[in-house]
Structure formats: structure tokens, C-alpha cells
Amino acid sequence: MLRSRAVVRQAHRDDRRLLTAWLGGDRSAGQALVKRYYAALFAFFNTRVDPDTSADLTQATLVTLCEQGDRFRQASSLRAYLLGIARWKLVAYFRGRTETAPFDESLVPTPSPHSLTSLWASREKESLLVEALRQLPLDYQLILELKDYEGLTAREIAQVFGIPPGTVATRVRRARRGLDEALERLSGRSGLAETTATTLRDHMARLRASLSLP
């Protein structure tokens, strides 16, 4: 169920209040923020890397928030700000593994045994969607997840990726087109894209619910 705008605005105000208090030395405010976002960040990483690495990257993301929280623009969404930090932690992780510098936006990471696509494959051996997602660059995978599952707004997605809000729709279209083309290549059939977004949401919801969160 989608939250009302009033509820979302109140959540943003609460986030800003807690962050300000945390940066001012209030440890209880920091603990409240960690409690609020730890599971979501862990799940974000755990769909692509193993649980131990997910825990390390989640901790690193929260440490960066504490160290650089003064850079947070108060009019923005703290959730998007955190996911932006998380994206760069993931980028740095894969860059280190592949020894590419600077980060290649076309990088297609090899899924770990614990990744989302690997989990799908273990449950649905013939899933074309699994194989199609595996062929997408990391940023395309992320933008589809943030749009279709996390439900981020265009403004929030722009904040995560550090791009103008006006280009978000184009990025999403490119990601969907890439997924559609991969599906068509794998199946030899066109017209599979009509239910892709719904299928993506359903799978992510089911599998994230099954993850062992700390």
C-alpha cells in the first residue's frame, strides 16, 4: 500500500530531525536511524553479494552517512541519499573485484551465489527474466529495482545516481529496453515486456521477504 504524501513528508521530517541530532552527538538518534534503515540497506546489498559482504557494505554506508551527513541537503530524501551512498559502495566493491578504474557504467557483474538473480535461478531454473537481468549493466539493474520495487520518485532516483531529474525517465526507458531486448534474444519472441515491471516487483518482494536479515 502506497503511503500518503502527508505520511511521506512526516517521515522526511523525522529523518532530518534524527540526522541533525545524530550529527550533534545524540547517539540515541543515530541508533534510531540505524534501526530504521539497516534492514533496507542490507537487503539492497544482499540481492547482489553474500551476507557477510552485505553487512560490511551496510556498515560502511552508515559510517559514511555519519561522516558526511552535513552534505545532506535538507530538502532531499534521506532514503535516496543513503541509497546513493550505497550505490557507490557497491560500485567500489565491483570495481575492486574487476580491477577497473574508473568505474565502467557498462559493467555487468557476475552474480554471487547469494545474489537476487542466483536466488531466482535456484527456484525457477527456466526463468528468462533471470538470465535477461544478468545481462544488464549494474546501473540498469539498480534503476529498475529502485523504480519498480523501491518505488522511488524521479527526484529521488536522480539523487541516487547524481543525474538531473529530467533524465531519469530516459534512463528507465533504456533499462527497460535493454531488459526487453535481452528477453527477446533469449526467447526468440517479442512482446514479453508488457508484464516485466509487475513480474519484477513480485519476484523482488517475494525474495526479499525470504532473505535472512540481521
N, C-alpha and C. Protein backbone atom coordinates (compact mmCIF):
# COMPACT_ATOMS: atom_id res chain seq x y z
N MET A 1 0.84 -1.20 0.00
CA MET A 1 0.00 0.00 0.00
C MET A 1 0.88 1.25 0.00
N LEU A 2 0.59 2.16 -0.92
CA LEU A 2 1.40 3.37 -1.03
C LEU A 2 1.09 4.30 0.13
N ARG A 3 2.12 4.94 0.64
CA ARG A 3 1.93 5.89 1.73
C ARG A 3 1.44 7.22 1.17
N SER A 4 0.63 7.91 1.96
CA SER A 4 0.13 9.22 1.53
C SER A 4 1.28 10.22 1.53
N ARG A 5 1.07 11.31 0.82
CA ARG A 5 2.10 12.35 0.76
C ARG A 5 2.37 12.93 2.14
N ALA A 6 1.32 13.05 2.94
CA ALA A 6 1.49 13.59 4.30
C ALA A 6 2.38 12.68 5.13
N VAL A 7 2.18 11.37 5.00
CA VAL A 7 2.99 10.41 5.75
C VAL A 7 4.44 10.47 5.28
N VAL A 8 4.63 10.57 3.97
CA VAL A 8 5.99 10.65 3.42
C VAL A 8 6.69 11.92 3.90
N ARG A 9 5.98 13.04 3.88
CA ARG A 9 6.57 14.30 4.33
C ARG A 9 6.96 14.22 5.80
N GLN A 10 6.09 13.59 6.62
CA GLN A 10 6.40 13.46 8.03
C GLN A 10 7.62 12.58 8.24
N ALA A 11 7.73 11.50 7.46
CA ALA A 11 8.90 10.61 7.56
C ALA A 11 10.17 11.36 7.21
N HIS A 12 10.10 12.22 6.18
CA HIS A 12 11.27 13.02 5.79
C HIS A 12 11.66 13.98 6.91
N ARG A 13 10.66 14.59 7.53
CA ARG A 13 10.96 15.50 8.64
C ARG A 13 11.60 14.75 9.80
N ASP A 14 11.08 13.56 10.10
CA ASP A 14 11.66 12.75 11.18
C ASP A 14 13.10 12.37 10.86
N ASP A 15 13.36 12.00 9.61
CA ASP A 15 14.72 11.64 9.21
C ASP A 15 15.67 12.81 9.40
N ARG A 16 15.25 13.98 8.96
CA ARG A 16 16.11 15.16 9.06
C ARG A 16 16.38 15.52 10.53
N ARG A 17 15.33 15.39 11.35
CA ARG A 17 15.50 15.69 12.77
C ARG A 17 16.47 14.72 13.43
N LEU A 18 16.33 13.43 13.12
CA LEU A 18 17.21 12.43 13.71
C LEU A 18 18.65 12.62 13.24
N LEU A 19 18.82 12.91 11.94
CA LEU A 19 20.18 13.09 11.42
C LEU A 19 20.84 14.30 12.06
N THR A 20 20.12 15.39 12.17
CA THR A 20 20.67 16.60 12.79
C THR A 20 21.09 16.31 14.24
N ALA A 21 20.24 15.59 14.95
CA ALA A 21 20.56 15.25 16.34
C ALA A 21 21.77 14.32 16.42
N TRP A 22 21.84 13.36 15.50
CA TRP A 22 22.97 12.41 15.49
C TRP A 22 24.28 13.14 15.24
N LEU A 23 24.26 14.04 14.25
CA LEU A 23 25.48 14.79 13.93
C LEU A 23 25.86 15.72 15.08
N GLY A 24 24.88 16.05 15.91
CA GLY A 24 25.15 16.89 17.07
C GLY A 24 25.60 16.11 18.29
N GLY A 25 25.74 14.79 18.13
CA GLY A 25 26.26 13.98 19.21
C GLY A 25 25.24 13.13 19.94
N ASP A 26 24.00 13.13 19.49
CA ASP A 26 22.95 12.34 20.14
C ASP A 26 23.01 10.90 19.62
N ARG A 27 23.59 10.00 20.40
CA ARG A 27 23.76 8.62 19.97
C ARG A 27 22.43 7.90 19.81
N SER A 28 21.45 8.24 20.63
CA SER A 28 20.14 7.59 20.52
C SER A 28 19.47 7.91 19.19
N ALA A 29 19.70 9.12 18.68
CA ALA A 29 19.15 9.49 17.37
C ALA A 29 19.83 8.67 16.28
N GLY A 30 21.14 8.47 16.41
CA GLY A 30 21.87 7.64 15.45
C GLY A 30 21.37 6.21 15.48
N GLN A 31 21.13 5.69 16.66
CA GLN A 31 20.62 4.32 16.79
C GLN A 31 19.23 4.19 16.16
N ALA A 32 18.42 5.24 16.29
CA ALA A 32 17.09 5.22 15.70
C ALA A 32 17.17 5.19 14.17
N LEU A 33 18.10 5.96 13.61
CA LEU A 33 18.27 5.96 12.15
C LEU A 33 18.79 4.61 11.67
N VAL A 34 19.74 4.05 12.39
CA VAL A 34 20.27 2.74 12.02
C VAL A 34 19.16 1.70 12.04
N LYS A 35 18.35 1.73 13.08
CA LYS A 35 17.24 0.79 13.19
C LYS A 35 16.26 0.96 12.05
N ARG A 36 16.06 2.20 11.63
CA ARG A 36 15.09 2.48 10.57
C ARG A 36 15.56 2.01 9.20
N TYR A 37 16.88 2.10 8.94
CA TYR A 37 17.37 1.85 7.58
C TYR A 37 18.28 0.65 7.41
N TYR A 38 18.72 0.02 8.49
CA TYR A 38 19.70 -1.05 8.35
C TYR A 38 19.17 -2.20 7.49
N ALA A 39 17.97 -2.67 7.77
CA ALA A 39 17.43 -3.83 7.05
C ALA A 39 17.28 -3.53 5.56
N ALA A 40 16.81 -2.32 5.23
CA ALA A 40 16.62 -1.96 3.82
C ALA A 40 17.95 -1.90 3.09
N LEU A 41 18.97 -1.34 3.73
CA LEU A 41 20.29 -1.28 3.11
C LEU A 41 20.89 -2.67 2.96
N PHE A 42 20.75 -3.48 3.99
CA PHE A 42 21.28 -4.84 3.92
C PHE A 42 20.63 -5.60 2.77
N ALA A 43 19.32 -5.47 2.62
CA ALA A 43 18.63 -6.15 1.53
C ALA A 43 19.09 -5.64 0.17
N PHE A 44 19.34 -4.33 0.07
CA PHE A 44 19.84 -3.75 -1.18
C PHE A 44 21.13 -4.42 -1.61
N PHE A 45 22.05 -4.62 -0.66
CA PHE A 45 23.32 -5.27 -0.98
C PHE A 45 23.16 -6.78 -1.13
N ASN A 46 22.34 -7.38 -0.28
CA ASN A 46 22.25 -8.83 -0.22
C ASN A 46 21.61 -9.45 -1.45
N THR A 47 20.98 -8.61 -2.28
CA THR A 47 20.46 -9.13 -3.54
C THR A 47 21.55 -9.27 -4.59
N ARG A 48 22.79 -8.84 -4.24
CA ARG A 48 23.88 -8.90 -5.22
C ARG A 48 25.18 -9.51 -4.68
N VAL A 49 25.36 -9.48 -3.38
CA VAL A 49 26.59 -10.03 -2.81
C VAL A 49 26.24 -10.89 -1.60
N ASP A 50 27.23 -11.60 -1.07
CA ASP A 50 26.98 -12.52 0.03
C ASP A 50 26.65 -11.76 1.32
N PRO A 51 26.05 -12.45 2.30
CA PRO A 51 25.61 -11.77 3.53
C PRO A 51 26.72 -11.06 4.30
N ASP A 52 27.90 -11.67 4.40
CA ASP A 52 28.99 -11.01 5.12
C ASP A 52 29.39 -9.71 4.46
N THR A 53 29.51 -9.74 3.13
CA THR A 53 29.86 -8.52 2.40
C THR A 53 28.73 -7.50 2.52
N SER A 54 27.49 -7.98 2.49
CA SER A 54 26.34 -7.08 2.64
C SER A 54 26.40 -6.34 3.97
N ALA A 55 26.72 -7.08 5.03
CA ALA A 55 26.82 -6.46 6.36
C ALA A 55 27.94 -5.42 6.39
N ASP A 56 29.07 -5.75 5.77
CA ASP A 56 30.20 -4.81 5.75
C ASP A 56 29.84 -3.55 4.97
N LEU A 57 29.20 -3.72 3.81
CA LEU A 57 28.84 -2.57 2.98
C LEU A 57 27.75 -1.72 3.64
N THR A 58 26.84 -2.38 4.33
CA THR A 58 25.80 -1.64 5.06
C THR A 58 26.43 -0.79 6.15
N GLN A 59 27.35 -1.39 6.90
CA GLN A 59 28.03 -0.65 7.96
C GLN A 59 28.82 0.51 7.38
N ALA A 60 29.50 0.26 6.26
CA ALA A 60 30.30 1.32 5.61
C ALA A 60 29.40 2.46 5.14
N THR A 61 28.22 2.14 4.65
CA THR A 61 27.27 3.16 4.20
C THR A 61 26.84 4.05 5.35
N LEU A 62 26.53 3.43 6.48
CA LEU A 62 26.08 4.18 7.65
C LEU A 62 27.22 5.02 8.25
N VAL A 63 28.43 4.50 8.20
CA VAL A 63 29.59 5.28 8.68
C VAL A 63 29.78 6.51 7.80
N THR A 64 29.65 6.32 6.49
CA THR A 64 29.78 7.46 5.58
C THR A 64 28.70 8.50 5.84
N LEU A 65 27.48 8.04 6.13
CA LEU A 65 26.41 8.98 6.47
C LEU A 65 26.80 9.81 7.69
N CYS A 66 27.36 9.16 8.69
CA CYS A 66 27.76 9.86 9.90
C CYS A 66 28.88 10.86 9.62
N GLU A 67 29.82 10.45 8.77
CA GLU A 67 30.98 11.29 8.47
C GLU A 67 30.65 12.43 7.52
N GLN A 68 29.70 12.20 6.62
CA GLN A 68 29.41 13.20 5.58
C GLN A 68 27.96 13.68 5.62
N GLY A 69 27.31 13.46 6.76
CA GLY A 69 25.91 13.84 6.87
C GLY A 69 25.65 15.31 6.68
N ASP A 70 26.67 16.14 6.92
CA ASP A 70 26.48 17.58 6.74
C ASP A 70 26.32 17.95 5.27
N ARG A 71 26.62 17.00 4.38
CA ARG A 71 26.45 17.27 2.94
C ARG A 71 25.00 17.01 2.50
N PHE A 72 24.23 16.38 3.38
CA PHE A 72 22.85 16.07 3.05
C PHE A 72 22.05 17.35 2.90
N ARG A 73 21.38 17.48 1.78
CA ARG A 73 20.55 18.65 1.52
C ARG A 73 19.19 18.42 2.16
N GLN A 74 18.84 19.32 3.08
CA GLN A 74 17.67 19.10 3.92
C GLN A 74 16.36 18.94 3.14
N ALA A 75 16.31 19.45 1.92
CA ALA A 75 15.08 19.34 1.15
C ALA A 75 14.97 17.98 0.45
N SER A 76 16.02 17.19 0.53
CA SER A 76 16.05 15.92 -0.17
C SER A 76 15.57 14.78 0.72
N SER A 77 15.47 13.60 0.13
CA SER A 77 15.07 12.40 0.86
C SER A 77 16.30 11.71 1.43
N LEU A 78 16.28 11.44 2.72
CA LEU A 78 17.42 10.76 3.34
C LEU A 78 17.53 9.33 2.80
N ARG A 79 16.40 8.72 2.51
CA ARG A 79 16.43 7.37 1.94
C ARG A 79 17.19 7.37 0.62
N ALA A 80 16.90 8.34 -0.25
CA ALA A 80 17.60 8.43 -1.53
C ALA A 80 19.08 8.75 -1.31
N TYR A 81 19.37 9.62 -0.35
CA TYR A 81 20.75 9.96 -0.04
C TYR A 81 21.53 8.72 0.40
N LEU A 82 20.92 7.91 1.27
CA LEU A 82 21.56 6.68 1.72
C LEU A 82 21.75 5.68 0.58
N LEU A 83 20.74 5.55 -0.26
CA LEU A 83 20.86 4.63 -1.39
C LEU A 83 21.92 5.10 -2.39
N GLY A 84 22.09 6.43 -2.49
CA GLY A 84 23.16 6.95 -3.33
C GLY A 84 24.53 6.56 -2.80
N ILE A 85 24.70 6.66 -1.47
CA ILE A 85 25.95 6.21 -0.85
C ILE A 85 26.12 4.72 -1.08
N ALA A 86 25.03 3.96 -0.89
CA ALA A 86 25.07 2.50 -1.05
C ALA A 86 25.46 2.11 -2.48
N ARG A 87 24.92 2.84 -3.44
CA ARG A 87 25.26 2.55 -4.84
C ARG A 87 26.76 2.68 -5.06
N TRP A 88 27.36 3.76 -4.54
CA TRP A 88 28.79 3.95 -4.74
C TRP A 88 29.62 2.92 -3.97
N LYS A 89 29.13 2.47 -2.83
CA LYS A 89 29.82 1.39 -2.12
C LYS A 89 29.80 0.12 -2.96
N LEU A 90 28.66 -0.14 -3.61
CA LEU A 90 28.55 -1.32 -4.46
C LEU A 90 29.43 -1.19 -5.70
N VAL A 91 29.43 0.00 -6.28
CA VAL A 91 30.29 0.28 -7.43
C VAL A 91 31.76 0.05 -7.07
N ALA A 92 32.18 0.59 -5.93
CA ALA A 92 33.57 0.43 -5.50
C ALA A 92 33.90 -1.03 -5.25
N TYR A 93 32.95 -1.76 -4.72
CA TYR A 93 33.18 -3.19 -4.46
C TYR A 93 33.41 -3.94 -5.77
N PHE A 94 32.52 -3.73 -6.75
CA PHE A 94 32.67 -4.43 -8.02
C PHE A 94 33.87 -3.91 -8.81
N ARG A 95 34.18 -2.64 -8.68
CA ARG A 95 35.35 -2.10 -9.35
C ARG A 95 36.61 -2.77 -8.82
N GLY A 96 36.65 -2.97 -7.50
CA GLY A 96 37.79 -3.65 -6.90
C GLY A 96 37.90 -5.08 -7.35
N ARG A 97 36.76 -5.73 -7.50
CA ARG A 97 36.77 -7.14 -7.92
C ARG A 97 37.20 -7.28 -9.37
N THR A 98 36.81 -6.32 -10.20
CA THR A 98 37.12 -6.43 -11.62
C THR A 98 38.35 -5.63 -12.01
N GLU A 99 38.91 -4.89 -11.03
CA GLU A 99 40.11 -4.11 -11.26
C GLU A 99 39.94 -3.13 -12.42
N THR A 100 38.78 -2.47 -12.46
CA THR A 100 38.54 -1.44 -13.47
C THR A 100 38.48 -0.10 -12.78
N ALA A 101 39.15 0.87 -13.37
CA ALA A 101 39.13 2.22 -12.80
C ALA A 101 39.32 3.22 -13.95
N PRO A 102 38.47 4.20 -14.10
CA PRO A 102 37.29 4.44 -13.28
C PRO A 102 36.19 3.42 -13.55
N PHE A 103 35.11 3.49 -12.80
CA PHE A 103 34.03 2.53 -12.95
C PHE A 103 33.43 2.58 -14.34
N ASP A 104 33.29 1.42 -14.93
CA ASP A 104 32.69 1.29 -16.25
C ASP A 104 31.19 1.12 -16.07
N GLU A 105 30.40 2.10 -16.54
CA GLU A 105 28.95 2.03 -16.35
C GLU A 105 28.32 0.87 -17.10
N SER A 106 29.06 0.28 -18.03
CA SER A 106 28.52 -0.87 -18.76
C SER A 106 28.86 -2.19 -18.07
N LEU A 107 29.51 -2.11 -16.90
CA LEU A 107 29.90 -3.31 -16.17
C LEU A 107 28.69 -4.19 -15.88
N VAL A 108 28.82 -5.46 -16.23
CA VAL A 108 27.81 -6.45 -15.90
C VAL A 108 28.43 -7.39 -14.88
N PRO A 109 28.13 -7.19 -13.57
CA PRO A 109 28.78 -8.01 -12.54
C PRO A 109 28.34 -9.45 -12.59
N THR A 110 29.26 -10.35 -12.28
CA THR A 110 28.92 -11.76 -12.18
C THR A 110 28.17 -11.98 -10.88
N PRO A 111 26.95 -12.55 -10.93
CA PRO A 111 26.17 -12.71 -9.71
C PRO A 111 26.87 -13.64 -8.72
N SER A 112 26.80 -13.28 -7.45
CA SER A 112 27.31 -14.18 -6.41
C SER A 112 26.27 -15.27 -6.18
N PRO A 113 26.63 -16.36 -5.47
CA PRO A 113 25.65 -17.41 -5.18
C PRO A 113 24.47 -16.92 -4.37
N HIS A 114 24.63 -15.73 -3.73
CA HIS A 114 23.56 -15.21 -2.89
C HIS A 114 22.81 -14.07 -3.57
N SER A 115 23.16 -13.77 -4.82
CA SER A 115 22.55 -12.61 -5.47
C SER A 115 21.09 -12.88 -5.80
N LEU A 116 20.37 -11.79 -6.09
CA LEU A 116 18.96 -11.91 -6.41
C LEU A 116 18.73 -12.81 -7.61
N THR A 117 19.52 -12.61 -8.68
CA THR A 117 19.31 -13.43 -9.86
C THR A 117 19.68 -14.88 -9.61
N SER A 118 20.67 -15.13 -8.76
CA SER A 118 21.01 -16.51 -8.45
C SER A 118 19.90 -17.17 -7.63
N LEU A 119 19.31 -16.41 -6.71
CA LEU A 119 18.19 -16.94 -5.95
C LEU A 119 17.03 -17.29 -6.87
N TRP A 120 16.77 -16.43 -7.83
CA TRP A 120 15.69 -16.73 -8.78
C TRP A 120 16.00 -17.99 -9.56
N ALA A 121 17.24 -18.08 -10.02
CA ALA A 121 17.62 -19.22 -10.85
C ALA A 121 17.50 -20.51 -10.06
N SER A 122 17.82 -20.47 -8.76
CA SER A 122 17.75 -21.68 -7.97
C SER A 122 16.31 -22.12 -7.75
N ARG A 123 15.36 -21.20 -7.87
CA ARG A 123 13.96 -21.52 -7.66
C ARG A 123 13.24 -21.74 -8.98
N GLU A 124 13.66 -21.04 -10.00
CA GLU A 124 12.99 -21.12 -11.29
C GLU A 124 14.04 -21.29 -12.38
N LYS A 125 14.41 -22.53 -12.60
CA LYS A 125 15.54 -22.85 -13.47
C LYS A 125 15.38 -22.28 -14.87
N GLU A 126 14.16 -22.18 -15.33
CA GLU A 126 13.94 -21.77 -16.72
C GLU A 126 13.57 -20.30 -16.85
N SER A 127 13.74 -19.53 -15.80
CA SER A 127 13.29 -18.14 -15.85
C SER A 127 14.12 -17.30 -16.82
N LEU A 128 13.45 -16.82 -17.87
CA LEU A 128 14.13 -15.96 -18.84
C LEU A 128 14.46 -14.61 -18.21
N LEU A 129 13.62 -14.17 -17.29
CA LEU A 129 13.86 -12.89 -16.66
C LEU A 129 15.16 -12.88 -15.89
N VAL A 130 15.47 -14.00 -15.24
CA VAL A 130 16.73 -14.12 -14.51
C VAL A 130 17.91 -13.90 -15.45
N GLU A 131 17.91 -14.64 -16.55
CA GLU A 131 19.03 -14.54 -17.48
C GLU A 131 19.11 -13.17 -18.13
N ALA A 132 17.94 -12.59 -18.42
CA ALA A 132 17.94 -11.26 -19.03
C ALA A 132 18.52 -10.22 -18.08
N LEU A 133 18.14 -10.27 -16.81
CA LEU A 133 18.67 -9.33 -15.84
C LEU A 133 20.18 -9.47 -15.69
N ARG A 134 20.67 -10.69 -15.76
CA ARG A 134 22.10 -10.94 -15.62
C ARG A 134 22.90 -10.27 -16.73
N GLN A 135 22.24 -10.01 -17.85
CA GLN A 135 22.94 -9.40 -18.97
C GLN A 135 22.95 -7.88 -18.93
N LEU A 136 22.22 -7.30 -17.98
CA LEU A 136 22.14 -5.84 -17.89
C LEU A 136 23.32 -5.27 -17.13
N PRO A 137 23.77 -4.06 -17.49
CA PRO A 137 24.77 -3.36 -16.67
C PRO A 137 24.22 -3.13 -15.27
N LEU A 138 25.12 -3.01 -14.30
CA LEU A 138 24.72 -2.85 -12.91
C LEU A 138 23.76 -1.68 -12.72
N ASP A 139 24.05 -0.52 -13.31
CA ASP A 139 23.18 0.64 -13.10
C ASP A 139 21.78 0.42 -13.67
N TYR A 140 21.66 -0.35 -14.74
CA TYR A 140 20.34 -0.66 -15.27
C TYR A 140 19.58 -1.55 -14.30
N GLN A 141 20.27 -2.52 -13.71
CA GLN A 141 19.64 -3.37 -12.71
C GLN A 141 19.14 -2.52 -11.54
N LEU A 142 20.00 -1.60 -11.09
CA LEU A 142 19.67 -0.78 -9.93
C LEU A 142 18.49 0.15 -10.21
N ILE A 143 18.48 0.78 -11.37
CA ILE A 143 17.43 1.76 -11.62
C ILE A 143 16.07 1.09 -11.75
N LEU A 144 16.05 -0.13 -12.30
CA LEU A 144 14.79 -0.86 -12.38
C LEU A 144 14.31 -1.28 -10.99
N GLU A 145 15.25 -1.69 -10.14
CA GLU A 145 14.88 -2.06 -8.78
C GLU A 145 14.34 -0.87 -8.00
N LEU A 146 15.03 0.28 -8.11
CA LEU A 146 14.61 1.46 -7.37
C LEU A 146 13.27 1.99 -7.87
N LYS A 147 13.03 1.87 -9.17
CA LYS A 147 11.77 2.37 -9.75
C LYS A 147 10.63 1.39 -9.50
N ASP A 148 10.85 0.11 -9.81
CA ASP A 148 9.75 -0.85 -9.80
C ASP A 148 9.50 -1.47 -8.44
N TYR A 149 10.54 -1.60 -7.62
CA TYR A 149 10.34 -2.24 -6.32
C TYR A 149 10.37 -1.22 -5.18
N GLU A 150 11.40 -0.40 -5.13
CA GLU A 150 11.51 0.56 -4.03
C GLU A 150 10.50 1.70 -4.16
N GLY A 151 10.04 1.94 -5.40
CA GLY A 151 9.05 2.98 -5.61
C GLY A 151 9.58 4.39 -5.45
N LEU A 152 10.87 4.60 -5.70
CA LEU A 152 11.45 5.94 -5.58
C LEU A 152 10.88 6.85 -6.66
N THR A 153 10.76 8.12 -6.32
CA THR A 153 10.32 9.11 -7.29
C THR A 153 11.47 9.44 -8.24
N ALA A 154 11.13 10.15 -9.32
CA ALA A 154 12.17 10.55 -10.27
C ALA A 154 13.22 11.43 -9.58
N ARG A 155 12.76 12.30 -8.69
CA ARG A 155 13.68 13.17 -7.96
C ARG A 155 14.63 12.36 -7.08
N GLU A 156 14.09 11.34 -6.40
CA GLU A 156 14.92 10.51 -5.54
C GLU A 156 15.91 9.68 -6.35
N ILE A 157 15.45 9.12 -7.47
CA ILE A 157 16.34 8.34 -8.33
C ILE A 157 17.46 9.22 -8.86
N ALA A 158 17.11 10.46 -9.23
CA ALA A 158 18.13 11.40 -9.71
C ALA A 158 19.17 11.63 -8.63
N GLN A 159 18.72 11.71 -7.37
CA GLN A 159 19.65 11.93 -6.26
C GLN A 159 20.57 10.72 -6.09
N VAL A 160 20.01 9.52 -6.21
CA VAL A 160 20.82 8.30 -6.06
C VAL A 160 21.92 8.25 -7.10
N PHE A 161 21.58 8.58 -8.35
CA PHE A 161 22.53 8.44 -9.45
C PHE A 161 23.31 9.71 -9.75
N GLY A 162 22.96 10.80 -9.10
CA GLY A 162 23.66 12.04 -9.35
C GLY A 162 23.43 12.58 -10.74
N ILE A 163 22.17 12.50 -11.21
CA ILE A 163 21.82 12.95 -12.56
C ILE A 163 20.66 13.94 -12.46
N PRO A 164 20.44 14.75 -13.50
CA PRO A 164 19.29 15.67 -13.48
C PRO A 164 17.98 14.88 -13.47
N PRO A 165 16.98 15.34 -12.73
CA PRO A 165 15.69 14.64 -12.69
C PRO A 165 15.08 14.41 -14.06
N GLY A 166 15.33 15.36 -14.97
CA GLY A 166 14.76 15.24 -16.30
C GLY A 166 15.28 14.08 -17.12
N THR A 167 16.41 13.51 -16.70
CA THR A 167 16.98 12.40 -17.47
C THR A 167 16.59 11.03 -16.91
N VAL A 168 15.89 11.02 -15.78
CA VAL A 168 15.55 9.75 -15.14
C VAL A 168 14.67 8.89 -16.04
N ALA A 169 13.64 9.50 -16.62
CA ALA A 169 12.72 8.74 -17.47
C ALA A 169 13.46 8.10 -18.64
N THR A 170 14.43 8.82 -19.19
CA THR A 170 15.22 8.27 -20.30
C THR A 170 16.04 7.08 -19.83
N ARG A 171 16.66 7.20 -18.64
CA ARG A 171 17.45 6.08 -18.10
C ARG A 171 16.57 4.86 -17.86
N VAL A 172 15.38 5.08 -17.32
CA VAL A 172 14.48 3.97 -17.05
C VAL A 172 14.06 3.30 -18.36
N ARG A 173 13.74 4.11 -19.38
CA ARG A 173 13.37 3.55 -20.67
C ARG A 173 14.49 2.72 -21.26
N ARG A 174 15.72 3.22 -21.14
CA ARG A 174 16.87 2.48 -21.68
C ARG A 174 17.05 1.15 -20.95
N ALA A 175 16.86 1.18 -19.63
CA ALA A 175 16.99 -0.05 -18.84
C ALA A 175 15.92 -1.05 -19.24
N ARG A 176 14.68 -0.57 -19.39
CA ARG A 176 13.60 -1.46 -19.79
C ARG A 176 13.84 -2.02 -21.19
N ARG A 177 14.31 -1.14 -22.09
CA ARG A 177 14.58 -1.59 -23.44
C ARG A 177 15.68 -2.65 -23.45
N GLY A 178 16.70 -2.42 -22.61
CA GLY A 178 17.77 -3.42 -22.51
C GLY A 178 17.25 -4.75 -22.01
N LEU A 179 16.37 -4.70 -21.02
CA LEU A 179 15.79 -5.93 -20.48
C LEU A 179 14.89 -6.60 -21.52
N ASP A 180 14.09 -5.80 -22.22
CA ASP A 180 13.21 -6.35 -23.25
C ASP A 180 14.03 -7.02 -24.36
N GLU A 181 15.10 -6.35 -24.79
CA GLU A 181 15.92 -6.91 -25.86
C GLU A 181 16.60 -8.20 -25.42
N ALA A 182 17.04 -8.22 -24.17
CA ALA A 182 17.66 -9.45 -23.65
C ALA A 182 16.64 -10.58 -23.61
N LEU A 183 15.42 -10.27 -23.19
CA LEU A 183 14.36 -11.28 -23.16
C LEU A 183 14.07 -11.82 -24.56
N GLU A 184 14.02 -10.90 -25.53
CA GLU A 184 13.74 -11.32 -26.90
C GLU A 184 14.87 -12.17 -27.47
N ARG A 185 16.11 -11.79 -27.15
CA ARG A 185 17.25 -12.59 -27.64
C ARG A 185 17.20 -14.01 -27.06
N LEU A 186 16.88 -14.09 -25.79
CA LEU A 186 16.88 -15.39 -25.12
C LEU A 186 15.71 -16.26 -25.53
N SER A 187 14.58 -15.64 -25.80
CA SER A 187 13.36 -16.42 -26.09
C SER A 187 13.07 -16.55 -27.57
N GLY A 188 13.61 -15.59 -28.35
CA GLY A 188 13.29 -15.59 -29.76
C GLY A 188 11.90 -15.06 -30.04
N ARG A 189 11.27 -14.48 -29.01
CA ARG A 189 9.91 -13.96 -29.16
C ARG A 189 9.87 -12.51 -28.68
N SER A 190 9.02 -11.71 -29.32
CA SER A 190 8.83 -10.33 -28.90
C SER A 190 7.55 -10.22 -28.06
N GLY A 191 7.35 -9.05 -27.48
CA GLY A 191 6.13 -8.81 -26.72
C GLY A 191 6.14 -9.37 -25.32
N LEU A 192 7.31 -9.70 -24.80
CA LEU A 192 7.37 -10.23 -23.44
C LEU A 192 7.43 -9.13 -22.39
N ALA A 193 7.61 -7.90 -22.82
CA ALA A 193 7.90 -6.82 -21.87
C ALA A 193 6.68 -6.28 -21.15
N GLU A 194 5.49 -6.63 -21.62
CA GLU A 194 4.30 -5.99 -21.07
C GLU A 194 4.13 -6.24 -19.58
N THR A 195 4.55 -7.39 -19.10
CA THR A 195 4.38 -7.71 -17.68
C THR A 195 5.69 -7.69 -16.91
N THR A 196 6.74 -7.18 -17.54
CA THR A 196 8.06 -7.22 -16.91
C THR A 196 8.09 -6.49 -15.58
N ALA A 197 7.56 -5.27 -15.53
CA ALA A 197 7.62 -4.48 -14.30
C ALA A 197 6.87 -5.17 -13.17
N THR A 198 5.69 -5.68 -13.46
CA THR A 198 4.91 -6.38 -12.43
C THR A 198 5.63 -7.62 -11.96
N THR A 199 6.17 -8.39 -12.91
CA THR A 199 6.90 -9.60 -12.55
C THR A 199 8.11 -9.27 -11.69
N LEU A 200 8.80 -8.20 -12.04
CA LEU A 200 9.98 -7.75 -11.30
C LEU A 200 9.60 -7.42 -9.86
N ARG A 201 8.54 -6.66 -9.70
CA ARG A 201 8.08 -6.29 -8.35
C ARG A 201 7.72 -7.53 -7.54
N ASP A 202 6.97 -8.43 -8.17
CA ASP A 202 6.52 -9.64 -7.45
C ASP A 202 7.69 -10.48 -6.98
N HIS A 203 8.65 -10.69 -7.88
CA HIS A 203 9.81 -11.51 -7.53
C HIS A 203 10.64 -10.85 -6.44
N MET A 204 10.88 -9.55 -6.58
CA MET A 204 11.69 -8.87 -5.58
C MET A 204 11.03 -8.89 -4.21
N ALA A 205 9.72 -8.68 -4.19
CA ALA A 205 9.01 -8.69 -2.92
C ALA A 205 9.10 -10.07 -2.27
N ARG A 206 8.88 -11.11 -3.07
CA ARG A 206 8.90 -12.46 -2.52
C ARG A 206 10.29 -12.86 -2.03
N LEU A 207 11.30 -12.54 -2.81
CA LEU A 207 12.64 -12.96 -2.45
C LEU A 207 13.24 -12.11 -1.35
N ARG A 208 12.95 -10.84 -1.34
CA ARG A 208 13.44 -10.01 -0.24
C ARG A 208 12.81 -10.45 1.08
N ALA A 209 11.57 -10.87 1.02
CA ALA A 209 10.90 -11.34 2.24
C ALA A 209 11.56 -12.61 2.75
N SER A 210 12.21 -13.36 1.85
CA SER A 210 12.83 -14.62 2.26
C SER A 210 14.29 -14.46 2.71
N LEU A 211 14.86 -13.25 2.50
CA LEU A 211 16.25 -13.04 2.89
C LEU A 211 16.39 -13.09 4.40
N SER A 212 17.52 -13.61 4.84
CA SER A 212 17.81 -13.66 6.27
C SER A 212 18.44 -12.34 6.69
N LEU A 213 17.63 -11.41 7.15
CA LEU A 213 18.13 -10.10 7.55
C LEU A 213 18.62 -10.16 8.99
N PRO A 214 19.72 -9.46 9.29
CA PRO A 214 20.24 -9.46 10.66
C PRO A 214 19.25 -8.81 11.62
